[in-house]
Each structure stands twice: as C-alpha cells, then as structure tokens.
Protein backbone atom coordinates (compact mmCIF):
# COMPACT_ATOMS: atom_id res chain seq x y z
CA UNK A 1 32.74 -49.06 -44.79
CA UNK A 2 29.30 -47.73 -45.65
CA UNK A 3 27.70 -50.91 -44.34
CA UNK A 4 29.70 -50.73 -41.11
CA UNK A 5 28.70 -47.11 -40.71
CA UNK A 6 25.00 -47.97 -41.13
CA UNK A 7 25.38 -50.89 -38.74
CA UNK A 8 26.94 -48.62 -36.12
CA UNK A 9 24.11 -46.15 -36.54
CA UNK A 10 21.61 -48.92 -36.11
CA UNK A 11 23.32 -50.18 -32.97
CA UNK A 12 23.50 -46.63 -31.64
CA UNK A 13 19.78 -46.13 -32.27
CA UNK A 14 18.92 -49.37 -30.56
CA UNK A 15 21.16 -48.53 -27.63
CA UNK A 16 19.71 -45.04 -27.23
CA UNK A 17 16.21 -46.42 -27.55
CA UNK A 18 16.94 -49.00 -24.87
CA UNK A 19 18.40 -46.37 -22.55
CA UNK A 20 15.36 -44.18 -22.98
CA UNK A 21 13.09 -47.12 -22.12
CA UNK A 22 11.26 -47.08 -25.45
CA UNK A 23 12.09 -50.13 -27.60
CA UNK A 24 12.87 -49.53 -31.27
CA UNK A 25 10.49 -51.75 -33.28
CA UNK A 26 11.13 -50.30 -36.71
CA UNK A 27 12.77 -53.54 -37.79
CA UNK A 28 9.29 -55.14 -37.71
CA UNK A 29 8.37 -53.11 -40.76
CA UNK A 30 11.54 -53.72 -42.72
CA UNK A 31 10.84 -55.23 -46.12
CA UNK A 32 13.34 -58.04 -45.65
CA UNK A 33 11.82 -59.19 -42.35
CA UNK A 34 8.25 -58.96 -43.68
CA UNK A 35 9.03 -60.99 -46.81
CA UNK A 36 10.89 -63.64 -44.82
CA UNK A 37 8.05 -63.92 -42.27
CA UNK A 38 5.36 -64.20 -44.95
CA UNK A 39 7.28 -66.88 -46.83
CA UNK A 40 7.95 -68.97 -43.72
CA UNK A 41 4.38 -68.62 -42.37
CA UNK A 42 2.89 -69.50 -45.76
CA UNK A 43 5.13 -72.55 -46.05
CA UNK A 44 4.13 -73.73 -42.56
CA UNK A 45 0.43 -73.12 -43.34
CA UNK A 46 0.51 -75.34 -46.44
CA UNK A 47 2.72 -77.92 -44.75
CA UNK A 48 0.26 -78.38 -41.88
CA UNK A 49 -2.70 -78.27 -44.29
CA UNK A 50 -1.19 -81.07 -46.38
CA UNK A 51 -0.12 -83.06 -43.28
CA UNK A 52 -3.73 -83.15 -42.07
CA UNK A 53 -5.10 -84.55 -45.33
CA UNK A 54 -7.30 -87.68 -44.96
CA UNK A 55 -4.44 -89.62 -46.55
CA UNK A 56 -2.34 -89.07 -43.41
CA UNK A 57 -4.97 -88.56 -40.69
CA UNK A 58 -8.35 -90.26 -40.68
CA UNK A 59 -11.01 -87.59 -40.17
CA UNK A 60 -13.76 -88.00 -37.60
CA UNK A 61 -17.41 -87.34 -38.44
CA UNK A 62 -19.96 -86.42 -35.78
CA UNK A 63 -23.67 -87.19 -35.54
CA UNK A 64 -26.02 -86.02 -32.79
CA UNK A 65 -29.34 -87.29 -31.47
CA UNK A 66 -31.37 -85.02 -29.19
CA UNK A 67 -33.99 -86.56 -26.92
CA UNK A 68 -36.32 -85.64 -24.08
CA UNK A 69 -36.40 -88.07 -21.20
CA UNK A 70 -39.92 -89.42 -20.54
CA UNK A 71 -41.70 -89.72 -17.23
CA UNK A 72 -40.84 -92.74 -15.12
CA UNK A 73 -43.57 -92.70 -12.46
CA UNK A 74 -46.69 -94.51 -13.66
CA UNK A 75 -48.98 -92.26 -11.60
CA UNK A 76 -47.60 -89.15 -13.30
CA UNK A 77 -47.96 -90.81 -16.68
CA UNK A 78 -51.67 -91.32 -16.04
CA UNK A 79 -52.08 -87.75 -14.82
CA UNK A 80 -50.34 -86.30 -17.88
CA UNK A 81 -51.76 -88.89 -20.28
CA UNK A 82 -48.34 -90.40 -20.88
CA UNK A 83 -46.91 -87.34 -22.65
CA UNK A 84 -44.98 -85.64 -19.84
CA UNK A 85 -41.25 -85.05 -19.78
CA UNK A 86 -39.07 -86.14 -16.89
CA UNK A 87 -37.69 -83.70 -14.34
CA UNK A 88 -34.07 -82.92 -13.55
CA UNK A 89 -33.67 -86.00 -11.35
CA UNK A 90 -34.97 -88.31 -14.06
CA UNK A 91 -32.80 -86.61 -16.69
CA UNK A 92 -29.66 -87.04 -14.57
CA UNK A 93 -30.59 -90.65 -13.86
CA UNK A 94 -31.12 -91.38 -17.56
CA UNK A 95 -27.78 -89.77 -18.47
CA UNK A 96 -26.07 -92.12 -16.02
CA UNK A 97 -27.77 -95.03 -17.77
CA UNK A 98 -26.48 -93.79 -21.14
CA UNK A 99 -22.96 -93.54 -19.73
CA UNK A 100 -23.04 -96.83 -17.83
CA UNK A 101 -20.81 -99.85 -18.42
CA UNK A 102 -23.94 -101.77 -19.40
CA UNK A 103 -24.27 -99.36 -22.31
CA UNK A 104 -20.60 -99.77 -23.27
CA UNK A 105 -20.87 -103.57 -23.11
CA UNK A 106 -23.99 -103.47 -25.28
CA UNK A 107 -22.29 -101.24 -27.87
CA UNK A 108 -19.27 -103.54 -27.98
CA UNK A 109 -21.53 -106.57 -28.42
CA UNK A 110 -23.52 -104.85 -31.16
CA UNK A 111 -20.68 -103.28 -33.15
CA UNK A 112 -17.74 -105.51 -32.20
CA UNK A 113 -15.35 -102.72 -31.20
CA UNK A 114 -12.99 -105.06 -29.36
CA UNK A 115 -12.42 -107.04 -32.55
CA UNK A 116 -12.08 -103.95 -34.74
CA UNK A 117 -9.47 -102.41 -32.47
CA UNK A 118 -7.66 -105.67 -31.77
CA UNK A 119 -8.38 -105.72 -28.03
CA UNK A 120 -7.49 -108.96 -26.27
CA UNK A 121 -10.31 -109.21 -23.75
CA UNK A 122 -8.44 -111.91 -21.79
CA UNK A 123 -5.99 -109.31 -20.47
CA UNK A 124 -6.74 -107.87 -16.99
CA UNK A 125 -6.94 -104.25 -18.14
CA UNK A 126 -8.58 -104.92 -21.51
CA UNK A 127 -12.11 -104.02 -20.42
CA UNK A 128 -11.00 -100.74 -18.85
CA UNK A 129 -9.10 -99.74 -22.00
CA UNK A 130 -12.06 -100.72 -24.18
CA UNK A 131 -14.44 -98.60 -22.09
CA UNK A 132 -12.06 -95.65 -22.36
CA UNK A 133 -11.73 -96.05 -26.14
CA UNK A 134 -15.50 -96.22 -26.68
CA UNK A 135 -16.23 -93.35 -24.28
CA UNK A 136 -13.71 -91.11 -26.06
CA UNK A 137 -15.93 -91.28 -29.16
CA UNK A 138 -19.15 -90.44 -27.26
CA UNK A 139 -20.29 -87.20 -25.64
CA UNK A 140 -23.56 -87.25 -23.66
CA UNK A 141 -24.89 -84.29 -21.70
CA UNK A 142 -27.86 -82.16 -20.76
CA UNK A 143 -28.65 -79.15 -22.94
CA UNK A 144 -29.78 -75.74 -21.74
CA UNK A 145 -33.33 -76.61 -22.85
CA UNK A 146 -33.67 -79.67 -20.62
CA UNK A 147 -33.06 -82.22 -23.37
CA UNK A 148 -30.23 -84.75 -23.66
CA UNK A 149 -27.65 -84.61 -26.45
CA UNK A 150 -25.99 -87.83 -27.66
CA UNK A 151 -22.99 -87.05 -29.90
CA UNK A 152 -20.87 -89.75 -31.51
CA UNK A 153 -17.66 -89.39 -33.52
CA UNK A 154 -16.42 -92.03 -35.94
CA UNK A 155 -14.26 -92.31 -39.02
CA UNK A 156 -17.32 -93.61 -40.88
CA UNK A 157 -20.10 -90.95 -40.98
CA UNK A 158 -22.83 -93.59 -41.41
CA UNK A 159 -21.53 -95.51 -38.41
CA UNK A 160 -21.50 -92.35 -36.27
CA UNK A 161 -25.19 -91.75 -37.01
CA UNK A 162 -26.11 -95.39 -36.38
CA UNK A 163 -24.27 -95.59 -33.05
CA UNK A 164 -25.92 -92.38 -31.86
CA UNK A 165 -29.38 -93.78 -32.59
CA UNK A 166 -28.56 -97.15 -31.04
CA UNK A 167 -27.42 -95.50 -27.80
CA UNK A 168 -30.90 -94.02 -27.41
CA UNK A 169 -32.60 -97.37 -28.08
CA UNK A 170 -30.26 -99.31 -25.78
CA UNK A 171 -30.74 -96.69 -23.05
CA UNK A 172 -34.51 -97.23 -23.15
CA UNK A 173 -34.01 -101.01 -22.97
CA UNK A 174 -31.68 -100.73 -19.96
CA UNK A 175 -34.10 -98.38 -18.20
CA UNK A 176 -36.98 -100.77 -18.88
CA UNK A 177 -34.94 -103.67 -17.50
CA UNK A 178 -33.96 -101.82 -14.32
CA UNK A 179 -37.44 -100.53 -13.62
CA UNK A 180 -38.99 -103.90 -14.48
CA UNK A 181 -37.33 -105.48 -11.44
CA UNK A 182 -38.33 -102.56 -9.23
CA UNK A 183 -41.93 -102.68 -10.45
CA UNK A 184 -42.19 -106.42 -9.72
CA UNK A 185 -40.65 -105.94 -6.28
CA UNK A 186 -43.20 -103.22 -5.51
CA UNK A 187 -45.99 -105.44 -6.84
CA UNK A 188 -44.89 -108.41 -4.70
CA UNK A 189 -44.76 -106.21 -1.60
CA UNK A 190 -48.23 -104.75 -2.26
CA UNK A 191 -49.65 -108.22 -2.89
CA UNK A 192 -48.17 -109.61 0.33
CA UNK A 193 -49.43 -106.69 2.45
CA UNK A 194 -52.90 -107.04 0.92
CA UNK A 195 -52.93 -110.80 1.56
CA UNK A 196 -51.90 -110.41 5.21
CA UNK A 197 -54.51 -107.71 5.82
CA UNK A 198 -57.17 -109.81 4.10
CA UNK A 199 -56.42 -112.75 6.39
CA UNK A 200 -56.58 -110.52 9.45
CA UNK A 201 -59.92 -109.01 8.41
CA UNK A 202 -61.31 -112.46 7.64
CA UNK A 203 -60.28 -113.67 11.11
CA UNK A 204 -61.94 -110.66 12.77
CA UNK A 205 -65.05 -111.16 10.71
CA UNK A 206 -65.25 -114.78 11.88
CA UNK A 207 -64.98 -113.68 15.52
CA UNK A 208 -67.64 -111.01 15.05
CA UNK A 209 -70.03 -113.47 13.42
CA UNK A 210 -69.58 -115.92 16.29
CA UNK A 211 -70.16 -113.19 18.86
CA UNK A 212 -73.17 -111.85 16.97
CA UNK A 213 -74.79 -115.29 16.75
CA UNK A 214 -74.36 -115.71 20.50
CA UNK A 215 -75.80 -112.28 21.31
CA UNK A 216 -78.50 -112.24 18.59
CA UNK A 217 -80.98 -109.60 19.87
CA UNK A 218 -78.52 -107.72 22.01
CA UNK A 219 -76.98 -104.61 20.40
CA UNK A 220 -73.30 -103.92 21.11
CA UNK A 221 -72.95 -101.60 24.08
CA UNK A 222 -70.35 -98.83 23.75
CA UNK A 223 -67.32 -99.53 25.93
CA UNK A 224 -67.73 -103.27 25.86
CA UNK A 225 -65.15 -105.59 24.31
CA UNK A 226 -67.48 -106.53 21.45
CA UNK A 227 -68.03 -102.86 20.59
CA UNK A 228 -64.25 -102.25 20.50
CA UNK A 229 -63.84 -105.22 18.16
CA UNK A 230 -66.40 -103.72 15.79
CA UNK A 231 -64.60 -100.34 15.78
CA UNK A 232 -61.24 -101.97 15.02
CA UNK A 233 -62.90 -104.08 12.35
CA UNK A 234 -64.17 -100.95 10.56
CA UNK A 235 -60.66 -99.46 10.63
CA UNK A 236 -59.17 -102.67 9.27
CA UNK A 237 -61.75 -102.72 6.47
CA UNK A 238 -60.80 -99.21 5.39
CA UNK A 239 -57.10 -100.13 5.40
CA UNK A 240 -57.90 -103.29 3.46
CA UNK A 241 -59.61 -101.25 0.74
CA UNK A 242 -56.58 -98.95 0.52
CA UNK A 243 -54.18 -101.87 0.22
CA UNK A 244 -56.43 -103.54 -2.36
CA UNK A 245 -56.45 -100.39 -4.51
CA UNK A 246 -52.67 -100.12 -4.24
CA UNK A 247 -52.31 -103.79 -5.18
CA UNK A 248 -54.57 -103.43 -8.23
CA UNK A 249 -52.78 -100.25 -9.34
CA UNK A 250 -49.37 -101.92 -9.22
CA UNK A 251 -50.74 -105.01 -10.94
CA UNK A 252 -52.11 -102.90 -13.79
CA UNK A 253 -48.83 -100.99 -14.05
CA UNK A 254 -47.01 -104.22 -14.88
CA UNK A 255 -48.97 -104.39 -18.11
CA UNK A 256 -48.33 -100.71 -18.90
CA UNK A 257 -45.17 -100.30 -21.03
CA UNK A 258 -42.82 -97.50 -20.09
CA UNK A 259 -42.72 -94.67 -22.64
CA UNK A 260 -39.65 -94.48 -24.85
CA UNK A 261 -37.43 -91.43 -25.11
CA UNK A 262 -38.87 -88.62 -27.18
CA UNK A 263 -36.53 -88.11 -30.14
CA UNK A 264 -36.51 -84.43 -31.03
CA UNK A 265 -33.68 -84.56 -33.56
CA UNK A 266 -32.55 -87.81 -35.19
CA UNK A 267 -28.91 -88.39 -36.02
CA UNK A 268 -28.07 -87.70 -39.66
CA UNK A 269 -25.01 -88.69 -41.66
CA UNK A 270 -22.51 -85.81 -41.55
CA UNK A 271 -21.27 -84.45 -44.88
CA UNK A 272 -17.99 -83.06 -43.54
CA UNK A 273 -15.63 -84.04 -40.72
CA UNK A 274 -15.35 -82.18 -37.43
CA UNK A 275 -11.76 -83.28 -36.75
CA UNK A 276 -9.06 -82.40 -37.51
CA UNK A 277 -9.88 -78.70 -38.08
CA UNK A 278 -7.39 -78.33 -40.92
CA UNK A 279 -7.74 -74.61 -41.60
CA UNK A 280 -7.73 -73.71 -37.92
CA UNK A 281 -4.63 -75.82 -37.23
CA UNK A 282 -2.86 -74.37 -40.26
CA UNK A 283 -3.65 -70.78 -39.25
CA UNK A 284 -2.63 -71.45 -35.65
CA UNK A 285 0.66 -73.00 -36.80
CA UNK A 286 1.40 -70.03 -39.07
CA UNK A 287 0.66 -67.61 -36.22
CA UNK A 288 2.94 -69.51 -33.84
CA UNK A 289 5.74 -69.40 -36.41
CA UNK A 290 5.28 -65.63 -36.87
CA UNK A 291 5.48 -65.08 -33.12
CA UNK A 292 8.54 -67.32 -33.00
CA UNK A 293 10.27 -65.30 -35.71
CA UNK A 294 9.60 -62.07 -33.82
CA UNK A 295 10.83 -63.60 -30.58
CA UNK A 296 14.10 -64.86 -32.07
CA UNK A 297 14.66 -61.56 -33.86
CA UNK A 298 14.31 -59.71 -30.55
CA UNK A 299 16.82 -62.06 -28.95
CA UNK A 300 19.24 -61.63 -31.86
CA UNK A 301 19.05 -57.83 -31.68
CA UNK A 302 19.44 -57.94 -27.92
CA UNK A 303 22.64 -59.97 -28.26
CA UNK A 304 23.97 -57.53 -30.85
CA UNK A 305 23.20 -54.65 -28.50
CA UNK A 306 25.00 -56.42 -25.67
CA UNK A 307 28.08 -57.10 -27.75
CA UNK A 308 28.11 -53.44 -28.96
CA UNK A 309 28.05 -52.22 -25.38
CA UNK A 310 30.99 -54.44 -24.59
C-alpha cells in the first residue's frame, strides 16, 4: 500500500509537471538510476577496450615524409642556382604524379601487395580493387606551408616508414622520366629549326657572294634588289644566332640532372598505432550507452504517464 501510494504520488507529480510544461527530471539524480548507468557504461567501456586489442584488430601505424617540390624549369634552376622551390602549379603537378597509377603500379611491383592480399590480377576488376586498397593506406596532400605531406599507414610500422620514403623516390623517378621525353622533344625541335635556318642563311650567303663577285667595285645601292638581299641576310643572321643559342641551351640541359625533392622530414618508425583509437572508441561507446539509457527511461516514464491518464 505504501509503495502504491508513493507510485501514485510520483505519477501525479509527473503528470502535473507535464501539464505545466516543465519536465520533471529528478529521476536522473536517483541513486538507483545513477548506479545502474555507471555500471552499464563502465562495462561497455571495458568491453569495447578489450574488443579493440591487437589480438582482435590489427593496429595501423603511420609514418610521414614531408618534402618541398623542386623547380622544374632549367632556366629558373640556373637563375636560383638550383636551390629554388617549385610554385603552386609545380606542387599540384607533383602531387598528381605521387597519386598516379604509375606510382601504384611501382609500389605493387616493389612490395608485392597483390600477392600479400591474394589479388588475382587476371580478373577484370583486379587492378581497380588493388589501386583502391593501396590508395586507402596512403594520404598525400599539400600543407599550409607549401610543402607536400606523404603519410602511409600499415600494420607493420617499419613498412609504413619504408613505403613513405619510397613514394618520394619513385615520384622523382617518374617526374624525371616524363620530363626526359619532353626535354628531348624540345631539343629535337630546336635542333631542326637551327638546321633549317642555317641552310637558308648558307644559301643566301652563296647568292650574295656570287653577286658581290660580279659587281666587285660597285657598292650596293639602297632600293636595289641586291641591297634588299643584304638587309634580309642581316635579319636572318640575327635569328640564326638566337636559334643557335636556344639549341645549345637545350643541348646542355639534357646533361643537367633534375633536382630531387627536398626532404624536410624523413619518415620514422612509429612507436604507437594511430588506429583504432581504443580509448576514444571506448569513451564514445560509453557515452552512447548513457544517452540510450536516458532515452529509454524517458520513454518508459512517458508510457507510465499515459497509462495513468487512461
């Protein structure tokens, strides 16, 4: 009877509180509810903490290499004595190289990821899945200071550091290979233009010498055809010198190696994993459980209030 009386009082208080528009939340501070919530939240915390042990989930370790992209233009390298950093366009271009499929193929060839993960490369979608699996372990982006960050995650901390460093080296090799073809194409074009101009100047020189030997003591009169030939010849000579300088500059550039990326911070072997964040997951799980307990308690009290009204 006493319990029923207290229960009726409680229902009456809840009802009056609901009618007044101010919810009664005193049950949140009841000893029974607090003890039950603490016990359940603590149990969930330790359950999640144990479930994320390395025995059940392989942790991932992260290593980062930070580089500055070097200059690409040979003329700028000479002006800045080969120590200049690339601009935004060169940085973006180099990041695309680091994220390219050529990079992913090189990493697979070097570390044998397809064999480690059991990928059958004869399947039509095998290469796409392999690229996705490798890319999920790598994070490459530009920093706020104009450098490039190369982060790699792996279950083996030593492997994470090695892959990060190899990405930088392979990126330089790919860039060298791409620019090598462009440099030779530019050199071939400069050589051909210089050769054609040289032949044209030689032909004009032959005509001038023939005309000069025929005229001997007669100076070229302005306005005559011979005088016009001499004027054009001087212009062609100046253009020939320009083309010759361009040809020599491109020829010398072929023997000039491109600068490698400037490594600001080398990748080191991580001493602790970055995933999974065991404490954070455990705390988040405990908090979700606490909120769930409060939510279900509100629903339960609401149903009791509804049945009391009926």
